[in-house]
Amino acid sequence: MADDGRPSPMDVLNQARAQLSELTGMPAESVSSFEQTEDGWSVEVEVLELARVPDTMSLMGSYQVDLDPQGQLTGYRRVRRYERGRADARRPGDR
């Protein structure tokens, strides 16, 4: 927590992962994007949705998680679903 009472960026990332995991019952594995917004924070979290053997065939979900300025989750949505072993096609705006 910062001196002004606001959570640090690492606190926000950890809260986003923990809160999403608690709500969905699925393990949050990593954070792939993070930004401060006018309303708080927007974080993209990668979640293991379905474990398969081999692990490269496991289904992953990428979730956009919105948090208020204090780091409390205000909403989330799945933005894509993919097999762990597959590379992404280039998204618009990527270089």
PDB file of N, CA and C in Angstrom:
ATOM      1  N   MET A   1       0.852  -1.176   0.000  1.00  0.00           N
ATOM      2  CA  MET A   1       0.000   0.000   0.000  1.00  0.00           C
ATOM      3  C   MET A   1       0.894   1.234   0.000  1.00  0.00           C
ATOM      4  N   ALA A   2       0.581   2.199  -0.848  1.00  0.00           N
ATOM      5  CA  ALA A   2       1.350   3.438  -0.937  1.00  0.00           C
ATOM      6  C   ALA A   2       1.068   4.310   0.287  1.00  0.00           C
ATOM      7  N   ASP A   3       1.924   5.318   0.494  1.00  0.00           N
ATOM      8  CA  ASP A   3       1.780   6.210   1.646  1.00  0.00           C
ATOM      9  C   ASP A   3       0.442   6.947   1.645  1.00  0.00           C
ATOM     10  N   ASP A   4      -0.139   7.182   0.471  1.00  0.00           N
ATOM     11  CA  ASP A   4      -1.402   7.916   0.390  1.00  0.00           C
ATOM     12  C   ASP A   4      -2.626   7.013   0.557  1.00  0.00           C
ATOM     13  N   GLY A   5      -2.419   5.743   0.897  1.00  0.00           N
ATOM     14  CA  GLY A   5      -3.532   4.827   1.135  1.00  0.00           C
ATOM     15  C   GLY A   5      -3.985   4.059  -0.090  1.00  0.00           C
ATOM     16  N   ARG A   6      -3.469   4.424  -1.267  1.00  0.00           N
ATOM     17  CA  ARG A   6      -3.830   3.707  -2.488  1.00  0.00           C
ATOM     18  C   ARG A   6      -2.969   2.462  -2.613  1.00  0.00           C
ATOM     19  N   PRO A   7      -3.516   1.404  -3.207  1.00  0.00           N
ATOM     20  CA  PRO A   7      -2.714   0.192  -3.387  1.00  0.00           C
ATOM     21  C   PRO A   7      -1.625   0.403  -4.434  1.00  0.00           C
ATOM     22  N   SER A   8      -0.511  -0.276  -4.260  1.00  0.00           N
ATOM     23  CA  SER A   8       0.563  -0.227  -5.248  1.00  0.00           C
ATOM     24  C   SER A   8       0.146  -1.047  -6.466  1.00  0.00           C
ATOM     25  N   PRO A   9       0.798  -0.854  -7.596  1.00  0.00           N
ATOM     26  CA  PRO A   9       0.472  -1.678  -8.770  1.00  0.00           C
ATOM     27  C   PRO A   9       0.570  -3.177  -8.482  1.00  0.00           C
ATOM     28  N   MET A  10       1.564  -3.615  -7.738  1.00  0.00           N
ATOM     29  CA  MET A  10       1.675  -5.047  -7.411  1.00  0.00           C
ATOM     30  C   MET A  10       0.501  -5.513  -6.556  1.00  0.00           C
ATOM     31  N   ASP A  11       0.049  -4.670  -5.632  1.00  0.00           N
ATOM     32  CA  ASP A  11      -1.127  -5.010  -4.828  1.00  0.00           C
ATOM     33  C   ASP A  11      -2.341  -5.198  -5.730  1.00  0.00           C
ATOM     34  N   VAL A  12      -2.510  -4.302  -6.708  1.00  0.00           N
ATOM     35  CA  VAL A  12      -3.648  -4.381  -7.629  1.00  0.00           C
ATOM     36  C   VAL A  12      -3.574  -5.675  -8.442  1.00  0.00           C
ATOM     37  N   LEU A  13      -2.393  -6.007  -8.963  1.00  0.00           N
ATOM     38  CA  LEU A  13      -2.235  -7.239  -9.745  1.00  0.00           C
ATOM     39  C   LEU A  13      -2.583  -8.465  -8.911  1.00  0.00           C
ATOM     40  N   ASN A  14      -2.079  -8.519  -7.699  1.00  0.00           N
ATOM     41  CA  ASN A  14      -2.361  -9.664  -6.821  1.00  0.00           C
ATOM     42  C   ASN A  14      -3.842  -9.738  -6.466  1.00  0.00           C
ATOM     43  N   GLN A  15      -4.470  -8.594  -6.212  1.00  0.00           N
ATOM     44  CA  GLN A  15      -5.895  -8.582  -5.892  1.00  0.00           C
ATOM     45  C   GLN A  15      -6.728  -9.032  -7.084  1.00  0.00           C
ATOM     46  N   ALA A  16      -6.354  -8.591  -8.285  1.00  0.00           N
ATOM     47  CA  ALA A  16      -7.096  -8.985  -9.491  1.00  0.00           C
ATOM     48  C   ALA A  16      -7.058 -10.494  -9.659  1.00  0.00           C
ATOM     49  N   ARG A  17      -5.878 -11.095  -9.543  1.00  0.00           N
ATOM     50  CA  ARG A  17      -5.741 -12.546  -9.694  1.00  0.00           C
ATOM     51  C   ARG A  17      -6.540 -13.286  -8.617  1.00  0.00           C
ATOM     52  N   ALA A  18      -6.392 -12.865  -7.371  1.00  0.00           N
ATOM     53  CA  ALA A  18      -7.062 -13.549  -6.264  1.00  0.00           C
ATOM     54  C   ALA A  18      -8.581 -13.434  -6.365  1.00  0.00           C
ATOM     55  N   GLN A  19      -9.084 -12.239  -6.666  1.00  0.00           N
ATOM     56  CA  GLN A  19     -10.532 -12.035  -6.729  1.00  0.00           C
ATOM     57  C   GLN A  19     -11.148 -12.786  -7.903  1.00  0.00           C
ATOM     58  N   LEU A  20     -10.477 -12.788  -9.069  1.00  0.00           N
ATOM     59  CA  LEU A  20     -10.993 -13.522 -10.223  1.00  0.00           C
ATOM     60  C   LEU A  20     -11.013 -15.021  -9.941  1.00  0.00           C
ATOM     61  N   SER A  21      -9.950 -15.540  -9.341  1.00  0.00           N
ATOM     62  CA  SER A  21      -9.903 -16.966  -8.993  1.00  0.00           C
ATOM     63  C   SER A  21     -11.017 -17.344  -8.025  1.00  0.00           C
ATOM     64  N   GLU A  22     -11.253 -16.487  -7.048  1.00  0.00           N
ATOM     65  CA  GLU A  22     -12.306 -16.763  -6.062  1.00  0.00           C
ATOM     66  C   GLU A  22     -13.686 -16.779  -6.716  1.00  0.00           C
ATOM     67  N   LEU A  23     -13.940 -15.852  -7.616  1.00  0.00           N
ATOM     68  CA  LEU A  23     -15.245 -15.780  -8.273  1.00  0.00           C
ATOM     69  C   LEU A  23     -15.481 -16.908  -9.268  1.00  0.00           C
ATOM     70  N   THR A  24     -14.455 -17.274 -10.037  1.00  0.00           N
ATOM     71  CA  THR A  24     -14.627 -18.270 -11.086  1.00  0.00           C
ATOM     72  C   THR A  24     -14.325 -19.692 -10.629  1.00  0.00           C
ATOM     73  N   GLY A  25     -13.558 -19.834  -9.556  1.00  0.00           N
ATOM     74  CA  GLY A  25     -13.139 -21.158  -9.104  1.00  0.00           C
ATOM     75  C   GLY A  25     -12.037 -21.749  -9.971  1.00  0.00           C
ATOM     76  N   MET A  26     -11.428 -20.913 -10.831  1.00  0.00           N
ATOM     77  CA  MET A  26     -10.356 -21.367 -11.724  1.00  0.00           C
ATOM     78  C   MET A  26      -9.063 -20.634 -11.368  1.00  0.00           C
ATOM     79  N   PRO A  27      -7.917 -21.335 -11.477  1.00  0.00           N
ATOM     80  CA  PRO A  27      -6.648 -20.697 -11.114  1.00  0.00           C
ATOM     81  C   PRO A  27      -6.191 -19.638 -12.120  1.00  0.00           C
ATOM     82  N   ALA A  28      -5.880 -18.465 -11.610  1.00  0.00           N
ATOM     83  CA  ALA A  28      -5.312 -17.397 -12.440  1.00  0.00           C
ATOM     84  C   ALA A  28      -3.813 -17.626 -12.504  1.00  0.00           C
ATOM     85  N   GLU A  29      -3.296 -17.780 -13.723  1.00  0.00           N
ATOM     86  CA  GLU A  29      -1.887 -18.128 -13.877  1.00  0.00           C
ATOM     87  C   GLU A  29      -0.967 -16.937 -14.070  1.00  0.00           C
ATOM     88  N   SER A  30      -1.408 -15.941 -14.815  1.00  0.00           N
ATOM     89  CA  SER A  30      -0.523 -14.801 -15.078  1.00  0.00           C
ATOM     90  C   SER A  30      -1.336 -13.577 -15.470  1.00  0.00           C
ATOM     91  N   VAL A  31      -0.656 -12.442 -15.453  1.00  0.00           N
ATOM     92  CA  VAL A  31      -1.240 -11.186 -15.903  1.00  0.00           C
ATOM     93  C   VAL A  31      -0.557 -10.824 -17.212  1.00  0.00           C
ATOM     94  N   SER A  32      -1.342 -10.593 -18.277  1.00  0.00           N
ATOM     95  CA  SER A  32      -0.742 -10.293 -19.574  1.00  0.00           C
ATOM     96  C   SER A  32      -0.821  -8.815 -19.943  1.00  0.00           C
ATOM     97  N   SER A  33      -1.672  -8.047 -19.273  1.00  0.00           N
ATOM     98  CA  SER A  33      -1.669  -6.595 -19.473  1.00  0.00           C
ATOM     99  C   SER A  33      -2.255  -5.922 -18.244  1.00  0.00           C
ATOM    100  N   PHE A  34      -1.916  -4.636 -18.107  1.00  0.00           N
ATOM    101  CA  PHE A  34      -2.256  -3.914 -16.891  1.00  0.00           C
ATOM    102  C   PHE A  34      -2.200  -2.427 -17.207  1.00  0.00           C
ATOM    103  N   GLU A  35      -3.260  -1.686 -16.851  1.00  0.00           N
ATOM    104  CA  GLU A  35      -3.207  -0.242 -17.028  1.00  0.00           C
ATOM    105  C   GLU A  35      -4.129   0.460 -16.042  1.00  0.00           C
ATOM    106  N   GLN A  36      -3.725   1.665 -15.671  1.00  0.00           N
ATOM    107  CA  GLN A  36      -4.568   2.497 -14.823  1.00  0.00           C
ATOM    108  C   GLN A  36      -5.526   3.247 -15.732  1.00  0.00           C
ATOM    109  N   THR A  37      -6.798   3.304 -15.328  1.00  0.00           N
ATOM    110  CA  THR A  37      -7.821   3.979 -16.108  1.00  0.00           C
ATOM    111  C   THR A  37      -8.405   5.127 -15.299  1.00  0.00           C
ATOM    112  N   GLU A  38      -9.325   5.873 -15.905  1.00  0.00           N
ATOM    113  CA  GLU A  38      -9.997   6.957 -15.176  1.00  0.00           C
ATOM    114  C   GLU A  38     -10.806   6.425 -14.006  1.00  0.00           C
ATOM    115  N   ASP A  39     -11.317   5.172 -14.153  1.00  0.00           N
ATOM    116  CA  ASP A  39     -12.182   4.583 -13.126  1.00  0.00           C
ATOM    117  C   ASP A  39     -11.458   3.650 -12.170  1.00  0.00           C
ATOM    118  N   GLY A  40     -10.162   3.457 -12.351  1.00  0.00           N
ATOM    119  CA  GLY A  40      -9.420   2.540 -11.492  1.00  0.00           C
ATOM    120  C   GLY A  40      -8.331   1.821 -12.261  1.00  0.00           C
ATOM    121  N   TRP A  41      -8.548   0.518 -12.504  1.00  0.00           N
ATOM    122  CA  TRP A  41      -7.539  -0.315 -13.152  1.00  0.00           C
ATOM    123  C   TRP A  41      -8.204  -1.292 -14.113  1.00  0.00           C
ATOM    124  N   SER A  42      -7.492  -1.653 -15.172  1.00  0.00           N
ATOM    125  CA  SER A  42      -7.924  -2.687 -16.092  1.00  0.00           C
ATOM    126  C   SER A  42      -6.769  -3.672 -16.235  1.00  0.00           C
ATOM    127  N   VAL A  43      -7.055  -4.946 -15.979  1.00  0.00           N
ATOM    128  CA  VAL A  43      -6.025  -5.981 -15.966  1.00  0.00           C
ATOM    129  C   VAL A  43      -6.510  -7.144 -16.823  1.00  0.00           C
ATOM    130  N   GLU A  44      -5.632  -7.721 -17.637  1.00  0.00           N
ATOM    131  CA  GLU A  44      -5.967  -8.926 -18.386  1.00  0.00           C
ATOM    132  C   GLU A  44      -5.253 -10.097 -17.723  1.00  0.00           C
ATOM    133  N   VAL A  45      -6.041 -11.087 -17.297  1.00  0.00           N
ATOM    134  CA  VAL A  45      -5.528 -12.220 -16.533  1.00  0.00           C
ATOM    135  C   VAL A  45      -5.734 -13.509 -17.321  1.00  0.00           C
ATOM    136  N   GLU A  46      -4.687 -14.338 -17.378  1.00  0.00           N
ATOM    137  CA  GLU A  46      -4.769 -15.636 -18.053  1.00  0.00           C
ATOM    138  C   GLU A  46      -5.145 -16.698 -17.014  1.00  0.00           C
ATOM    139  N   VAL A  47      -6.191 -17.475 -17.334  1.00  0.00           N
ATOM    140  CA  VAL A  47      -6.779 -18.437 -16.405  1.00  0.00           C
ATOM    141  C   VAL A  47      -6.780 -19.832 -17.027  1.00  0.00           C
ATOM    142  N   LEU A  48      -6.434 -20.835 -16.230  1.00  0.00           N
ATOM    143  CA  LEU A  48      -6.546 -22.228 -16.670  1.00  0.00           C
ATOM    144  C   LEU A  48      -8.002 -22.645 -16.524  1.00  0.00           C
ATOM    145  N   GLU A  49      -8.684 -22.855 -17.663  1.00  0.00           N
ATOM    146  CA  GLU A  49     -10.098 -23.219 -17.628  1.00  0.00           C
ATOM    147  C   GLU A  49     -10.314 -24.725 -17.624  1.00  0.00           C
ATOM    148  N   LEU A  50      -9.467 -25.472 -18.335  1.00  0.00           N
ATOM    149  CA  LEU A  50      -9.629 -26.916 -18.418  1.00  0.00           C
ATOM    150  C   LEU A  50      -8.263 -27.562 -18.619  1.00  0.00           C
ATOM    151  N   ALA A  51      -7.818 -28.297 -17.611  1.00  0.00           N
ATOM    152  CA  ALA A  51      -6.523 -28.979 -17.701  1.00  0.00           C
ATOM    153  C   ALA A  51      -6.669 -30.226 -18.561  1.00  0.00           C
ATOM    154  N   ARG A  52      -5.716 -30.421 -19.476  1.00  0.00           N
ATOM    155  CA  ARG A  52      -5.701 -31.593 -20.350  1.00  0.00           C
ATOM    156  C   ARG A  52      -4.292 -32.172 -20.388  1.00  0.00           C
ATOM    157  N   VAL A  53      -4.204 -33.398 -20.871  1.00  0.00           N
ATOM    158  CA  VAL A  53      -2.917 -34.042 -21.065  1.00  0.00           C
ATOM    159  C   VAL A  53      -2.754 -34.267 -22.554  1.00  0.00           C
ATOM    160  N   PRO A  54      -1.674 -33.808 -23.144  1.00  0.00           N
ATOM    161  CA  PRO A  54      -0.577 -33.054 -22.535  1.00  0.00           C
ATOM    162  C   PRO A  54      -1.008 -31.628 -22.186  1.00  0.00           C
ATOM    163  N   ASP A  55      -0.205 -31.001 -21.334  1.00  0.00           N
ATOM    164  CA  ASP A  55      -0.526 -29.669 -20.826  1.00  0.00           C
ATOM    165  C   ASP A  55      -0.683 -28.637 -21.943  1.00  0.00           C
ATOM    166  N   THR A  56       0.003 -28.837 -23.064  1.00  0.00           N
ATOM    167  CA  THR A  56      -0.099 -27.879 -24.171  1.00  0.00           C
ATOM    168  C   THR A  56      -1.490 -27.860 -24.787  1.00  0.00           C
ATOM    169  N   MET A  57      -2.324 -28.844 -24.474  1.00  0.00           N
ATOM    170  CA  MET A  57      -3.701 -28.887 -24.979  1.00  0.00           C
ATOM    171  C   MET A  57      -4.710 -28.326 -23.978  1.00  0.00           C
ATOM    172  N   SER A  58      -4.243 -27.898 -22.810  1.00  0.00           N
ATOM    173  CA  SER A  58      -5.135 -27.318 -21.810  1.00  0.00           C
ATOM    174  C   SER A  58      -5.810 -26.071 -22.373  1.00  0.00           C
ATOM    175  N   LEU A  59      -7.055 -25.840 -21.965  1.00  0.00           N
ATOM    176  CA  LEU A  59      -7.779 -24.646 -22.409  1.00  0.00           C
ATOM    177  C   LEU A  59      -7.544 -23.502 -21.431  1.00  0.00           C
ATOM    178  N   MET A  60      -7.170 -22.364 -22.009  1.00  0.00           N
ATOM    179  CA  MET A  60      -6.898 -21.164 -21.243  1.00  0.00           C
ATOM    180  C   MET A  60      -7.945 -20.112 -21.591  1.00  0.00           C
ATOM    181  N   GLY A  61      -8.182 -19.214 -20.681  1.00  0.00           N
ATOM    182  CA  GLY A  61      -9.059 -18.082 -20.933  1.00  0.00           C
ATOM    183  C   GLY A  61      -8.336 -16.807 -20.561  1.00  0.00           C
ATOM    184  N   SER A  62      -8.563 -15.786 -21.359  1.00  0.00           N
ATOM    185  CA  SER A  62      -8.010 -14.475 -21.072  1.00  0.00           C
ATOM    186  C   SER A  62      -9.179 -13.593 -20.631  1.00  0.00           C
ATOM    187  N   TYR A  63      -9.090 -13.060 -19.420  1.00  0.00           N
ATOM    188  CA  TYR A  63     -10.173 -12.287 -18.828  1.00  0.00           C
ATOM    189  C   TYR A  63      -9.759 -10.842 -18.617  1.00  0.00           C
ATOM    190  N   GLN A  64     -10.635  -9.922 -19.021  1.00  0.00           N
ATOM    191  CA  GLN A  64     -10.448  -8.517 -18.690  1.00  0.00           C
ATOM    192  C   GLN A  64     -11.092  -8.306 -17.333  1.00  0.00           C
ATOM    193  N   VAL A  65     -10.312  -7.801 -16.397  1.00  0.00           N
ATOM    194  CA  VAL A  65     -10.779  -7.575 -15.030  1.00  0.00           C
ATOM    195  C   VAL A  65     -10.711  -6.078 -14.757  1.00  0.00           C
ATOM    196  N   ASP A  66     -11.831  -5.498 -14.346  1.00  0.00           N
ATOM    197  CA  ASP A  66     -11.885  -4.079 -14.006  1.00  0.00           C
ATOM    198  C   ASP A  66     -11.944  -3.931 -12.497  1.00  0.00           C
ATOM    199  N   LEU A  67     -11.119  -3.016 -11.986  1.00  0.00           N
ATOM    200  CA  LEU A  67     -11.048  -2.781 -10.547  1.00  0.00           C
ATOM    201  C   LEU A  67     -11.204  -1.294 -10.265  1.00  0.00           C
ATOM    202  N   ASP A  68     -11.742  -0.978  -9.085  1.00  0.00           N
ATOM    203  CA  ASP A  68     -11.874   0.423  -8.690  1.00  0.00           C
ATOM    204  C   ASP A  68     -10.498   0.939  -8.232  1.00  0.00           C
ATOM    205  N   PRO A  69     -10.378   2.220  -7.883  1.00  0.00           N
ATOM    206  CA  PRO A  69      -9.074   2.772  -7.492  1.00  0.00           C
ATOM    207  C   PRO A  69      -8.445   2.075  -6.282  1.00  0.00           C
ATOM    208  N   GLN A  70      -9.248   1.435  -5.436  1.00  0.00           N
ATOM    209  CA  GLN A  70      -8.719   0.725  -4.277  1.00  0.00           C
ATOM    210  C   GLN A  70      -8.352  -0.732  -4.589  1.00  0.00           C
ATOM    211  N   GLY A  71      -8.594  -1.168  -5.836  1.00  0.00           N
ATOM    212  CA  GLY A  71      -8.224  -2.522  -6.229  1.00  0.00           C
ATOM    213  C   GLY A  71      -9.314  -3.557  -6.025  1.00  0.00           C
ATOM    214  N   GLN A  72     -10.548  -3.121  -5.797  1.00  0.00           N
ATOM    215  CA  GLN A  72     -11.658  -4.056  -5.636  1.00  0.00           C
ATOM    216  C   GLN A  72     -12.306  -4.324  -6.995  1.00  0.00           C
ATOM    217  N   LEU A  73     -12.541  -5.585  -7.289  1.00  0.00           N
ATOM    218  CA  LEU A  73     -13.097  -5.984  -8.571  1.00  0.00           C
ATOM    219  C   LEU A  73     -14.490  -5.390  -8.762  1.00  0.00           C
ATOM    220  N   THR A  74     -14.700  -4.773  -9.927  1.00  0.00           N
ATOM    221  CA  THR A  74     -16.015  -4.212 -10.251  1.00  0.00           C
ATOM    222  C   THR A  74     -16.665  -4.946 -11.416  1.00  0.00           C
ATOM    223  N   GLY A  75     -15.889  -5.751 -12.141  1.00  0.00           N
ATOM    224  CA  GLY A  75     -16.437  -6.528 -13.245  1.00  0.00           C
ATOM    225  C   GLY A  75     -15.350  -7.310 -13.947  1.00  0.00           C
ATOM    226  N   TYR A  76     -15.774  -8.341 -14.678  1.00  0.00           N
ATOM    227  CA  TYR A  76     -14.828  -9.100 -15.490  1.00  0.00           C
ATOM    228  C   TYR A  76     -15.570  -9.742 -16.644  1.00  0.00           C
ATOM    229  N   ARG A  77     -14.813 -10.079 -17.696  1.00  0.00           N
ATOM    230  CA  ARG A  77     -15.391 -10.796 -18.831  1.00  0.00           C
ATOM    231  C   ARG A  77     -14.286 -11.549 -19.547  1.00  0.00           C
ATOM    232  N   ARG A  78     -14.641 -12.699 -20.100  1.00  0.00           N
ATOM    233  CA  ARG A  78     -13.665 -13.453 -20.879  1.00  0.00           C
ATOM    234  C   ARG A  78     -13.572 -12.812 -22.254  1.00  0.00           C
ATOM    235  N   VAL A  79     -12.361 -12.513 -22.689  1.00  0.00           N
ATOM    236  CA  VAL A  79     -12.166 -11.872 -23.982  1.00  0.00           C
ATOM    237  C   VAL A  79     -11.662 -12.850 -25.035  1.00  0.00           C
ATOM    238  N   ARG A  80     -11.115 -13.988 -24.610  1.00  0.00           N
ATOM    239  CA  ARG A  80     -10.761 -15.024 -25.566  1.00  0.00           C
ATOM    240  C   ARG A  80     -10.495 -16.338 -24.850  1.00  0.00           C
ATOM    241  N   ARG A  81     -10.552 -17.416 -25.631  1.00  0.00           N
ATOM    242  CA  ARG A  81     -10.290 -18.761 -25.113  1.00  0.00           C
ATOM    243  C   ARG A  81      -9.369 -19.438 -26.127  1.00  0.00           C
ATOM    244  N   TYR A  82      -8.366 -20.171 -25.638  1.00  0.00           N
ATOM    245  CA  TYR A  82      -7.380 -20.751 -26.538  1.00  0.00           C
ATOM    246  C   TYR A  82      -6.703 -21.955 -25.893  1.00  0.00           C
ATOM    247  N   GLU A  83      -6.071 -22.781 -26.720  1.00  0.00           N
ATOM    248  CA  GLU A  83      -5.267 -23.889 -26.213  1.00  0.00           C
ATOM    249  C   GLU A  83      -3.906 -23.332 -25.812  1.00  0.00           C
ATOM    250  N   ARG A  84      -3.394 -23.797 -24.681  1.00  0.00           N
ATOM    251  CA  ARG A  84      -2.145 -23.273 -24.144  1.00  0.00           C
ATOM    252  C   ARG A  84      -1.004 -23.328 -25.164  1.00  0.00           C
ATOM    253  N   GLY A  85      -0.919 -24.379 -25.948  1.00  0.00           N
ATOM    254  CA  GLY A  85       0.195 -24.564 -26.863  1.00  0.00           C
ATOM    255  C   GLY A  85       0.084 -23.828 -28.179  1.00  0.00           C
ATOM    256  N   ARG A  86      -0.963 -23.065 -28.388  1.00  0.00           N
ATOM    257  CA  ARG A  86      -1.158 -22.358 -29.669  1.00  0.00           C
ATOM    258  C   ARG A  86      -0.737 -20.902 -29.556  1.00  0.00           C
ATOM    259  N   ALA A  87       0.011 -20.453 -30.551  1.00  0.00           N
ATOM    260  CA  ALA A  87       0.391 -19.058 -30.605  1.00  0.00           C
ATOM    261  C   ALA A  87      -0.798 -18.232 -31.082  1.00  0.00           C
ATOM    262  N   ASP A  88      -0.903 -17.019 -30.583  1.00  0.00           N
ATOM    263  CA  ASP A  88      -1.958 -16.098 -31.010  1.00  0.00           C
ATOM    264  C   ASP A  88      -1.731 -15.643 -32.429  1.00  0.00           C
ATOM    265  N   ALA A  89      -2.814 -15.500 -33.168  1.00  0.00           N
ATOM    266  CA  ALA A  89      -2.736 -14.772 -34.428  1.00  0.00           C
ATOM    267  C   ALA A  89      -2.539 -13.315 -34.047  1.00  0.00           C
ATOM    268  N   ARG A  90      -1.935 -12.551 -34.892  1.00  0.00           N
ATOM    269  CA  ARG A  90      -1.718 -11.142 -34.567  1.00  0.00           C
ATOM    270  C   ARG A  90      -3.052 -10.436 -34.395  1.00  0.00           C
ATOM    271  N   ARG A  91      -3.144  -9.662 -33.342  1.00  0.00           N
ATOM    272  CA  ARG A  91      -4.348  -8.874 -33.085  1.00  0.00           C
ATOM    273  C   ARG A  91      -4.187  -7.500 -33.709  1.00  0.00           C
ATOM    274  N   PRO A  92      -5.304  -6.846 -34.057  1.00  0.00           N
ATOM    275  CA  PRO A  92      -5.205  -5.496 -34.626  1.00  0.00           C
ATOM    276  C   PRO A  92      -4.431  -4.580 -33.686  1.00  0.00           C
ATOM    277  N   GLY A  93      -3.512  -3.818 -34.252  1.00  0.00           N
ATOM    278  CA  GLY A  93      -2.722  -2.893 -33.452  1.00  0.00           C
ATOM    279  C   GLY A  93      -1.406  -3.457 -32.972  1.00  0.00           C
ATOM    280  N   ASP A  94      -1.222  -4.805 -33.021  1.00  0.00           N
ATOM    281  CA  ASP A  94       0.039  -5.411 -32.624  1.00  0.00           C
ATOM    282  C   ASP A  94       1.077  -5.159 -33.699  1.00  0.00           C
ATOM    283  N   ARG A  95       2.311  -5.083 -33.309  1.00  0.00           N
ATOM    284  CA  ARG A  95       3.407  -4.911 -34.268  1.00  0.00           C
ATOM    285  C   ARG A  95       4.229  -6.151 -34.364  1.00  0.00           C
TER     286      ARG A  95
END
